[in-house]
Amino acid sequence: LHMESWRTEMKEEINRINQVLPNTPAEVQTVAIQQWMDSVIDKMDHFKAEHHRYVKEGVTLLELALWKAKLDEKDKNSAEGRT
């Protein structure tokens, strides 16, 4: 879900220059392009950080699930008289 919305938002941001540049006076187009590039890079950095957060959360949940499975297996073996 997030990846699709991020992709859509990035496409919109990348295509935004096509709407802005034709209406921008020639003497400030370089500045407009630089600002647009900064905006695209900032958005990419934001989404990378958000993606990293989701991956880290997923890894943590997986570790907890594995830990719980090991504890459950240990409890089962103890109940059966094995170690």
Protein backbone atom coordinates (compact mmCIF):
# COMPACT_ATOMS: atom_id res chain seq x y z
CA LEU A 1 0.00 0.00 0.00
CA HIS A 2 2.64 2.48 1.01
CA MET A 3 4.87 1.70 -1.94
CA GLU A 4 2.07 2.44 -4.40
CA SER A 5 1.20 5.76 -2.77
CA TRP A 6 4.89 6.70 -2.58
CA ARG A 7 5.31 5.82 -6.27
CA THR A 8 2.29 7.92 -7.22
CA GLU A 9 3.44 10.86 -5.14
CA MET A 10 6.96 10.70 -6.60
CA LYS A 11 5.63 10.54 -10.16
CA GLU A 12 3.49 13.60 -9.47
CA GLU A 13 6.46 15.46 -7.98
CA ILE A 14 8.73 14.53 -10.88
CA ASN A 15 6.12 15.57 -13.44
CA ARG A 16 5.41 18.83 -11.61
CA ILE A 17 8.33 20.53 -13.37
CA ASN A 18 6.50 20.08 -16.68
CA GLN A 19 3.67 22.29 -15.38
CA VAL A 20 5.88 24.84 -13.65
CA LEU A 21 8.66 25.39 -16.17
CA PRO A 22 6.60 26.54 -19.19
CA ASN A 23 5.10 29.37 -17.10
CA THR A 24 8.42 30.37 -15.51
CA PRO A 25 10.33 33.34 -16.93
CA ALA A 26 13.61 32.31 -18.58
CA GLU A 27 15.74 34.33 -16.15
CA VAL A 28 14.52 32.30 -13.15
CA GLN A 29 14.17 28.85 -14.72
CA THR A 30 17.51 27.70 -13.32
CA VAL A 31 16.39 28.61 -9.80
CA ALA A 32 13.02 26.91 -10.37
CA ILE A 33 14.76 23.73 -11.55
CA GLN A 34 17.11 23.77 -8.55
CA GLN A 35 14.18 24.20 -6.16
CA TRP A 36 12.31 21.40 -7.91
CA MET A 37 15.35 19.10 -7.70
CA ASP A 38 15.71 19.86 -3.99
CA SER A 39 12.04 19.07 -3.50
CA VAL A 40 12.34 15.73 -5.33
CA ILE A 41 15.44 14.77 -3.33
CA ASP A 42 13.79 15.77 -0.04
CA LYS A 43 10.76 13.63 -0.87
CA MET A 44 12.96 10.68 -1.80
CA ASP A 45 14.88 11.02 1.46
CA HIS A 46 11.61 11.14 3.39
CA PHE A 47 10.28 7.99 1.71
CA LYS A 48 13.59 6.16 2.18
CA ALA A 49 13.51 6.95 5.90
CA GLU A 50 9.87 5.86 6.14
CA HIS A 51 10.64 2.64 4.26
CA HIS A 52 13.56 1.95 6.59
CA ARG A 53 11.27 2.44 9.58
CA TYR A 54 8.76 -0.09 8.18
CA VAL A 55 11.50 -2.63 7.45
CA LYS A 56 12.92 -2.23 10.95
CA GLU A 57 9.46 -2.68 12.45
CA GLY A 58 8.90 -5.82 10.36
CA VAL A 59 12.23 -7.29 11.43
CA THR A 60 11.39 -6.61 15.07
CA LEU A 61 8.01 -8.34 14.73
CA LEU A 62 9.64 -11.32 13.05
CA GLU A 63 12.24 -11.58 15.81
CA LEU A 64 9.51 -11.47 18.46
CA ALA A 65 7.50 -14.16 16.65
CA LEU A 66 10.55 -16.42 16.41
CA TRP A 67 11.38 -15.84 20.06
CA LYS A 68 7.81 -16.69 21.07
CA ALA A 69 7.83 -19.84 18.91
CA LYS A 70 11.05 -20.98 20.61
CA LEU A 71 9.55 -20.34 24.06
CA ASP A 72 6.38 -22.22 23.12
CA GLU A 73 8.46 -25.14 21.82
CA LYS A 74 10.54 -25.15 25.02
CA ASP A 75 7.38 -25.11 27.17
CA LYS A 76 5.91 -27.97 25.14
CA ASN A 77 9.07 -30.04 25.50
CA SER A 78 9.19 -29.33 29.25
CA ALA A 79 5.57 -30.41 29.63
CA GLU A 80 6.38 -33.65 27.82
CA GLY A 81 9.34 -34.25 30.12
CA ARG A 82 12.02 -33.41 27.53
CA THR A 83 14.44 -30.55 27.54
